Amino acid sequence: MEITAVSSLIFLIVIAAVAFFVLRRVVKMAIRATIVALILLIAIVGGVSLWMFGGATDKTSDSRSTPVRKVR
């Protein structure tokens, strides 16, 4: 009975240690992936806002600042 308890305790400690080290790496990668995703989101939002609001204006319109004289 005592041998089973000790072996179970050692097995659970080993499993906990492995899970701790694996999850520590996973958490670091998750934080890095979140930062990269945030940077990409900012870039996409900036690009869309430039495309929607500040992109190329219509240069072919007749709204000229100086009047044009027509030659007869």
PDB file of N, CA and C in Angstrom:
ATOM      1  N   MET A   1       0.815  -1.181   0.000  1.00  0.00           N
ATOM      2  CA  MET A   1       0.000   0.000   0.000  1.00  0.00           C
ATOM      3  C   MET A   1       0.865   1.253   0.000  1.00  0.00           C
ATOM      4  N   GLU A   2       1.896   1.261   0.801  1.00  0.00           N
ATOM      5  CA  GLU A   2       2.767   2.428   0.868  1.00  0.00           C
ATOM      6  C   GLU A   2       3.595   2.589  -0.404  1.00  0.00           C
ATOM      7  N   ILE A   3       3.969   1.472  -1.003  1.00  0.00           N
ATOM      8  CA  ILE A   3       4.754   1.533  -2.229  1.00  0.00           C
ATOM      9  C   ILE A   3       3.905   2.142  -3.351  1.00  0.00           C
ATOM     10  N   THR A   4       2.654   1.780  -3.409  1.00  0.00           N
ATOM     11  CA  THR A   4       1.753   2.330  -4.418  1.00  0.00           C
ATOM     12  C   THR A   4       1.567   3.829  -4.219  1.00  0.00           C
ATOM     13  N   ALA A   5       1.433   4.268  -2.990  1.00  0.00           N
ATOM     14  CA  ALA A   5       1.253   5.690  -2.696  1.00  0.00           C
ATOM     15  C   ALA A   5       2.507   6.476  -3.079  1.00  0.00           C
ATOM     16  N   VAL A   6       3.679   5.953  -2.744  1.00  0.00           N
ATOM     17  CA  VAL A   6       4.928   6.637  -3.060  1.00  0.00           C
ATOM     18  C   VAL A   6       5.151   6.666  -4.570  1.00  0.00           C
ATOM     19  N   SER A   7       4.911   5.552  -5.249  1.00  0.00           N
ATOM     20  CA  SER A   7       5.107   5.521  -6.699  1.00  0.00           C
ATOM     21  C   SER A   7       4.091   6.430  -7.407  1.00  0.00           C
ATOM     22  N   SER A   8       2.872   6.486  -6.919  1.00  0.00           N
ATOM     23  CA  SER A   8       1.882   7.394  -7.492  1.00  0.00           C
ATOM     24  C   SER A   8       2.285   8.845  -7.278  1.00  0.00           C
ATOM     25  N   LEU A   9       2.801   9.152  -6.092  1.00  0.00           N
ATOM     26  CA  LEU A   9       3.241  10.510  -5.795  1.00  0.00           C
ATOM     27  C   LEU A   9       4.408  10.910  -6.702  1.00  0.00           C
ATOM     28  N   ILE A  10       5.374  10.032  -6.885  1.00  0.00           N
ATOM     29  CA  ILE A  10       6.515  10.322  -7.758  1.00  0.00           C
ATOM     30  C   ILE A  10       6.043  10.489  -9.204  1.00  0.00           C
ATOM     31  N   PHE A  11       5.140   9.615  -9.643  1.00  0.00           N
ATOM     32  CA  PHE A  11       4.612   9.712 -11.005  1.00  0.00           C
ATOM     33  C   PHE A  11       3.895  11.047 -11.216  1.00  0.00           C
ATOM     34  N   LEU A  12       3.078  11.460 -10.265  1.00  0.00           N
ATOM     35  CA  LEU A  12       2.351  12.720 -10.391  1.00  0.00           C
ATOM     36  C   LEU A  12       3.292  13.923 -10.342  1.00  0.00           C
ATOM     37  N   ILE A  13       4.363  13.839  -9.532  1.00  0.00           N
ATOM     38  CA  ILE A  13       5.340  14.926  -9.482  1.00  0.00           C
ATOM     39  C   ILE A  13       6.057  15.046 -10.822  1.00  0.00           C
ATOM     40  N   VAL A  14       6.421  13.919 -11.430  1.00  0.00           N
ATOM     41  CA  VAL A  14       7.087  13.947 -12.736  1.00  0.00           C
ATOM     42  C   VAL A  14       6.145  14.521 -13.796  1.00  0.00           C
ATOM     43  N   ILE A  15       4.904  14.098 -13.790  1.00  0.00           N
ATOM     44  CA  ILE A  15       3.924  14.622 -14.754  1.00  0.00           C
ATOM     45  C   ILE A  15       3.738  16.126 -14.545  1.00  0.00           C
ATOM     46  N   ALA A  16       3.659  16.584 -13.302  1.00  0.00           N
ATOM     47  CA  ALA A  16       3.489  18.003 -13.014  1.00  0.00           C
ATOM     48  C   ALA A  16       4.710  18.805 -13.474  1.00  0.00           C
ATOM     49  N   ALA A  17       5.912  18.269 -13.268  1.00  0.00           N
ATOM     50  CA  ALA A  17       7.127  18.971 -13.684  1.00  0.00           C
ATOM     51  C   ALA A  17       7.188  19.082 -15.206  1.00  0.00           C
ATOM     52  N   VAL A  18       6.870  18.013 -15.914  1.00  0.00           N
ATOM     53  CA  VAL A  18       6.873  18.048 -17.373  1.00  0.00           C
ATOM     54  C   VAL A  18       5.827  19.047 -17.876  1.00  0.00           C
ATOM     55  N   ALA A  19       4.643  19.011 -17.301  1.00  0.00           N
ATOM     56  CA  ALA A  19       3.591  19.939 -17.710  1.00  0.00           C
ATOM     57  C   ALA A  19       4.005  21.380 -17.429  1.00  0.00           C
ATOM     58  N   PHE A  20       4.666  21.619 -16.304  1.00  0.00           N
ATOM     59  CA  PHE A  20       5.098  22.974 -15.963  1.00  0.00           C
ATOM     60  C   PHE A  20       6.079  23.519 -16.997  1.00  0.00           C
ATOM     61  N   PHE A  21       7.079  22.719 -17.358  1.00  0.00           N
ATOM     62  CA  PHE A  21       8.085  23.194 -18.309  1.00  0.00           C
ATOM     63  C   PHE A  21       7.517  23.336 -19.723  1.00  0.00           C
ATOM     64  N   VAL A  22       6.641  22.429 -20.110  1.00  0.00           N
ATOM     65  CA  VAL A  22       6.026  22.526 -21.431  1.00  0.00           C
ATOM     66  C   VAL A  22       5.115  23.744 -21.497  1.00  0.00           C
ATOM     67  N   LEU A  23       4.299  23.942 -20.480  1.00  0.00           N
ATOM     68  CA  LEU A  23       3.383  25.079 -20.481  1.00  0.00           C
ATOM     69  C   LEU A  23       4.120  26.399 -20.380  1.00  0.00           C
ATOM     70  N   ARG A  24       5.263  26.406 -19.732  1.00  0.00           N
ATOM     71  CA  ARG A  24       6.043  27.636 -19.653  1.00  0.00           C
ATOM     72  C   ARG A  24       6.492  28.074 -21.042  1.00  0.00           C
ATOM     73  N   ARG A  25       6.913  27.131 -21.854  1.00  0.00           N
ATOM     74  CA  ARG A  25       7.305  27.449 -23.238  1.00  0.00           C
ATOM     75  C   ARG A  25       6.084  27.855 -24.048  1.00  0.00           C
ATOM     76  N   VAL A  26       4.974  27.175 -23.836  1.00  0.00           N
ATOM     77  CA  VAL A  26       3.759  27.471 -24.579  1.00  0.00           C
ATOM     78  C   VAL A  26       3.263  28.873 -24.247  1.00  0.00           C
ATOM     79  N   VAL A  27       3.351  29.265 -22.988  1.00  0.00           N
ATOM     80  CA  VAL A  27       2.900  30.598 -22.589  1.00  0.00           C
ATOM     81  C   VAL A  27       3.784  31.664 -23.226  1.00  0.00           C
ATOM     82  N   LYS A  28       5.090  31.436 -23.274  1.00  0.00           N
ATOM     83  CA  LYS A  28       5.989  32.393 -23.929  1.00  0.00           C
ATOM     84  C   LYS A  28       5.635  32.534 -25.407  1.00  0.00           C
ATOM     85  N   MET A  29       5.379  31.415 -26.069  1.00  0.00           N
ATOM     86  CA  MET A  29       5.013  31.467 -27.478  1.00  0.00           C
ATOM     87  C   MET A  29       3.658  32.128 -27.679  1.00  0.00           C
ATOM     88  N   ALA A  30       2.724  31.889 -26.772  1.00  0.00           N
ATOM     89  CA  ALA A  30       1.402  32.504 -26.888  1.00  0.00           C
ATOM     90  C   ALA A  30       1.500  34.017 -26.734  1.00  0.00           C
ATOM     91  N   ILE A  31       2.339  34.483 -25.832  1.00  0.00           N
ATOM     92  CA  ILE A  31       2.525  35.927 -25.654  1.00  0.00           C
ATOM     93  C   ILE A  31       3.153  36.523 -26.903  1.00  0.00           C
ATOM     94  N   ARG A  32       4.156  35.871 -27.458  1.00  0.00           N
ATOM     95  CA  ARG A  32       4.791  36.357 -28.683  1.00  0.00           C
ATOM     96  C   ARG A  32       3.802  36.366 -29.845  1.00  0.00           C
ATOM     97  N   ALA A  33       3.001  35.317 -29.964  1.00  0.00           N
ATOM     98  CA  ALA A  33       2.016  35.258 -31.046  1.00  0.00           C
ATOM     99  C   ALA A  33       0.970  36.352 -30.883  1.00  0.00           C
ATOM    100  N   THR A  34       0.593  36.661 -29.647  1.00  0.00           N
ATOM    101  CA  THR A  34      -0.377  37.729 -29.397  1.00  0.00           C
ATOM    102  C   THR A  34       0.202  39.080 -29.801  1.00  0.00           C
ATOM    103  N   ILE A  35       1.461  39.313 -29.505  1.00  0.00           N
ATOM    104  CA  ILE A  35       2.108  40.575 -29.882  1.00  0.00           C
ATOM    105  C   ILE A  35       2.174  40.703 -31.401  1.00  0.00           C
ATOM    106  N   VAL A  36       2.546  39.626 -32.086  1.00  0.00           N
ATOM    107  CA  VAL A  36       2.611  39.654 -33.550  1.00  0.00           C
ATOM    108  C   VAL A  36       1.219  39.885 -34.139  1.00  0.00           C
ATOM    109  N   ALA A  37       0.213  39.223 -33.590  1.00  0.00           N
ATOM    110  CA  ALA A  37      -1.150  39.417 -34.086  1.00  0.00           C
ATOM    111  C   ALA A  37      -1.620  40.854 -33.866  1.00  0.00           C
ATOM    112  N   LEU A  38      -1.242  41.449 -32.745  1.00  0.00           N
ATOM    113  CA  LEU A  38      -1.611  42.842 -32.479  1.00  0.00           C
ATOM    114  C   LEU A  38      -0.949  43.787 -33.481  1.00  0.00           C
ATOM    115  N   ILE A  39       0.327  43.558 -33.782  1.00  0.00           N
ATOM    116  CA  ILE A  39       1.031  44.399 -34.760  1.00  0.00           C
ATOM    117  C   ILE A  39       0.392  44.253 -36.143  1.00  0.00           C
ATOM    118  N   LEU A  40       0.057  43.020 -36.533  1.00  0.00           N
ATOM    119  CA  LEU A  40      -0.593  42.807 -37.826  1.00  0.00           C
ATOM    120  C   LEU A  40      -1.966  43.467 -37.874  1.00  0.00           C
ATOM    121  N   LEU A  41      -2.707  43.414 -36.777  1.00  0.00           N
ATOM    122  CA  LEU A  41      -4.017  44.049 -36.735  1.00  0.00           C
ATOM    123  C   LEU A  41      -3.910  45.562 -36.886  1.00  0.00           C
ATOM    124  N   ILE A  42      -2.922  46.163 -36.225  1.00  0.00           N
ATOM    125  CA  ILE A  42      -2.704  47.605 -36.351  1.00  0.00           C
ATOM    126  C   ILE A  42      -2.340  47.961 -37.792  1.00  0.00           C
ATOM    127  N   ALA A  43      -1.502  47.142 -38.425  1.00  0.00           N
ATOM    128  CA  ALA A  43      -1.115  47.407 -39.809  1.00  0.00           C
ATOM    129  C   ALA A  43      -2.308  47.282 -40.752  1.00  0.00           C
ATOM    130  N   ILE A  44      -3.145  46.292 -40.544  1.00  0.00           N
ATOM    131  CA  ILE A  44      -4.316  46.109 -41.399  1.00  0.00           C
ATOM    132  C   ILE A  44      -5.302  47.253 -41.220  1.00  0.00           C
ATOM    133  N   VAL A  45      -5.553  47.645 -39.970  1.00  0.00           N
ATOM    134  CA  VAL A  45      -6.483  48.753 -39.720  1.00  0.00           C
ATOM    135  C   VAL A  45      -5.940  50.048 -40.315  1.00  0.00           C
ATOM    136  N   GLY A  46      -4.649  50.288 -40.196  1.00  0.00           N
ATOM    137  CA  GLY A  46      -4.051  51.475 -40.785  1.00  0.00           C
ATOM    138  C   GLY A  46      -4.144  51.472 -42.299  1.00  0.00           C
ATOM    139  N   GLY A  47      -3.884  50.348 -42.911  1.00  0.00           N
ATOM    140  CA  GLY A  47      -3.990  50.252 -44.363  1.00  0.00           C
ATOM    141  C   GLY A  47      -5.403  50.453 -44.860  1.00  0.00           C
ATOM    142  N   VAL A  48      -6.360  49.864 -44.167  1.00  0.00           N
ATOM    143  CA  VAL A  48      -7.755  50.034 -44.571  1.00  0.00           C
ATOM    144  C   VAL A  48      -8.197  51.480 -44.378  1.00  0.00           C
ATOM    145  N   SER A  49      -7.776  52.103 -43.290  1.00  0.00           N
ATOM    146  CA  SER A  49      -8.181  53.495 -43.078  1.00  0.00           C
ATOM    147  C   SER A  49      -7.550  54.422 -44.118  1.00  0.00           C
ATOM    148  N   LEU A  50      -6.315  54.177 -44.495  1.00  0.00           N
ATOM    149  CA  LEU A  50      -5.710  54.970 -45.559  1.00  0.00           C
ATOM    150  C   LEU A  50      -6.416  54.741 -46.888  1.00  0.00           C
ATOM    151  N   TRP A  51      -6.781  53.517 -47.158  1.00  0.00           N
ATOM    152  CA  TRP A  51      -7.460  53.192 -48.394  1.00  0.00           C
ATOM    153  C   TRP A  51      -8.846  53.836 -48.445  1.00  0.00           C
ATOM    154  N   MET A  52      -9.542  53.843 -47.298  1.00  0.00           N
ATOM    155  CA  MET A  52     -10.901  54.387 -47.268  1.00  0.00           C
ATOM    156  C   MET A  52     -10.915  55.914 -47.239  1.00  0.00           C
ATOM    157  N   PHE A  53     -10.063  56.526 -46.427  1.00  0.00           N
ATOM    158  CA  PHE A  53     -10.168  57.956 -46.161  1.00  0.00           C
ATOM    159  C   PHE A  53      -9.073  58.803 -46.794  1.00  0.00           C
ATOM    160  N   GLY A  54      -7.879  58.294 -46.905  1.00  0.00           N
ATOM    161  CA  GLY A  54      -6.788  59.144 -47.348  1.00  0.00           C
ATOM    162  C   GLY A  54      -6.105  58.694 -48.605  1.00  0.00           C
ATOM    163  N   GLY A  55      -6.728  57.820 -49.327  1.00  0.00           N
ATOM    164  CA  GLY A  55      -6.095  57.293 -50.527  1.00  0.00           C
ATOM    165  C   GLY A  55      -6.044  58.312 -51.637  1.00  0.00           C
ATOM    166  N   ALA A  56      -5.842  57.853 -52.831  1.00  0.00           N
ATOM    167  CA  ALA A  56      -5.742  58.725 -53.998  1.00  0.00           C
ATOM    168  C   ALA A  56      -7.069  59.427 -54.226  1.00  0.00           C
ATOM    169  N   THR A  57      -6.989  60.727 -54.445  1.00  0.00           N
ATOM    170  CA  THR A  57      -8.201  61.492 -54.726  1.00  0.00           C
ATOM    171  C   THR A  57      -8.495  61.437 -56.219  1.00  0.00           C
ATOM    172  N   ASP A  58      -9.676  61.792 -56.574  1.00  0.00           N
ATOM    173  CA  ASP A  58     -10.098  61.773 -57.976  1.00  0.00           C
ATOM    174  C   ASP A  58      -9.501  62.977 -58.690  1.00  0.00           C
ATOM    175  N   LYS A  59      -8.504  62.765 -59.523  1.00  0.00           N
ATOM    176  CA  LYS A  59      -7.800  63.851 -60.218  1.00  0.00           C
ATOM    177  C   LYS A  59      -8.508  64.282 -61.503  1.00  0.00           C
ATOM    178  N   THR A  60      -9.494  63.534 -61.942  1.00  0.00           N
ATOM    179  CA  THR A  60     -10.133  63.833 -63.221  1.00  0.00           C
ATOM    180  C   THR A  60     -11.341  64.748 -63.090  1.00  0.00           C
ATOM    181  N   SER A  61     -11.653  65.207 -61.906  1.00  0.00           N
ATOM    182  CA  SER A  61     -12.833  66.058 -61.753  1.00  0.00           C
ATOM    183  C   SER A  61     -12.551  67.464 -62.284  1.00  0.00           C
ATOM    184  N   ASP A  62     -13.608  68.213 -62.569  1.00  0.00           N
ATOM    185  CA  ASP A  62     -13.489  69.550 -63.123  1.00  0.00           C
ATOM    186  C   ASP A  62     -13.417  70.635 -62.061  1.00  0.00           C
ATOM    187  N   SER A  63     -13.183  70.278 -60.852  1.00  0.00           N
ATOM    188  CA  SER A  63     -13.113  71.286 -59.793  1.00  0.00           C
ATOM    189  C   SER A  63     -11.703  71.873 -59.769  1.00  0.00           C
ATOM    190  N   ARG A  64     -11.435  72.820 -60.675  1.00  0.00           N
ATOM    191  CA  ARG A  64     -10.123  73.445 -60.776  1.00  0.00           C
ATOM    192  C   ARG A  64     -10.120  74.736 -59.982  1.00  0.00           C
ATOM    193  N   SER A  65      -8.985  75.092 -59.466  1.00  0.00           N
ATOM    194  CA  SER A  65      -8.911  76.310 -58.659  1.00  0.00           C
ATOM    195  C   SER A  65      -8.902  77.563 -59.516  1.00  0.00           C
ATOM    196  N   THR A  66      -8.376  77.487 -60.724  1.00  0.00           N
ATOM    197  CA  THR A  66      -8.351  78.672 -61.609  1.00  0.00           C
ATOM    198  C   THR A  66      -9.246  78.400 -62.813  1.00  0.00           C
ATOM    199  N   PRO A  67     -10.012  79.408 -63.242  1.00  0.00           N
ATOM    200  CA  PRO A  67     -10.881  79.189 -64.397  1.00  0.00           C
ATOM    201  C   PRO A  67     -10.058  79.033 -65.683  1.00  0.00           C
ATOM    202  N   VAL A  68     -10.566  78.251 -66.571  1.00  0.00           N
ATOM    203  CA  VAL A  68      -9.894  77.995 -67.833  1.00  0.00           C
ATOM    204  C   VAL A  68     -10.635  78.778 -68.919  1.00  0.00           C
ATOM    205  N   ARG A  69      -9.886  79.524 -69.711  1.00  0.00           N
ATOM    206  CA  ARG A  69     -10.490  80.274 -70.823  1.00  0.00           C
ATOM    207  C   ARG A  69     -10.600  79.365 -72.029  1.00  0.00           C
ATOM    208  N   LYS A  70     -11.768  79.407 -72.593  1.00  0.00           N
ATOM    209  CA  LYS A  70     -11.980  78.622 -73.804  1.00  0.00           C
ATOM    210  C   LYS A  70     -11.546  79.444 -75.020  1.00  0.00           C
ATOM    211  N   VAL A  71     -10.792  78.837 -75.876  1.00  0.00           N
ATOM    212  CA  VAL A  71     -10.306  79.502 -77.087  1.00  0.00           C
ATOM    213  C   VAL A  71     -11.302  79.264 -78.192  1.00  0.00           C
ATOM    214  N   ARG A  72     -11.666  80.392 -78.938  1.00  0.00           N
ATOM    215  CA  ARG A  72     -12.642  80.262 -80.022  1.00  0.00           C
ATOM    216  C   ARG A  72     -12.016  79.888 -81.306  1.00  0.00           C
TER     217      ARG A  72
END
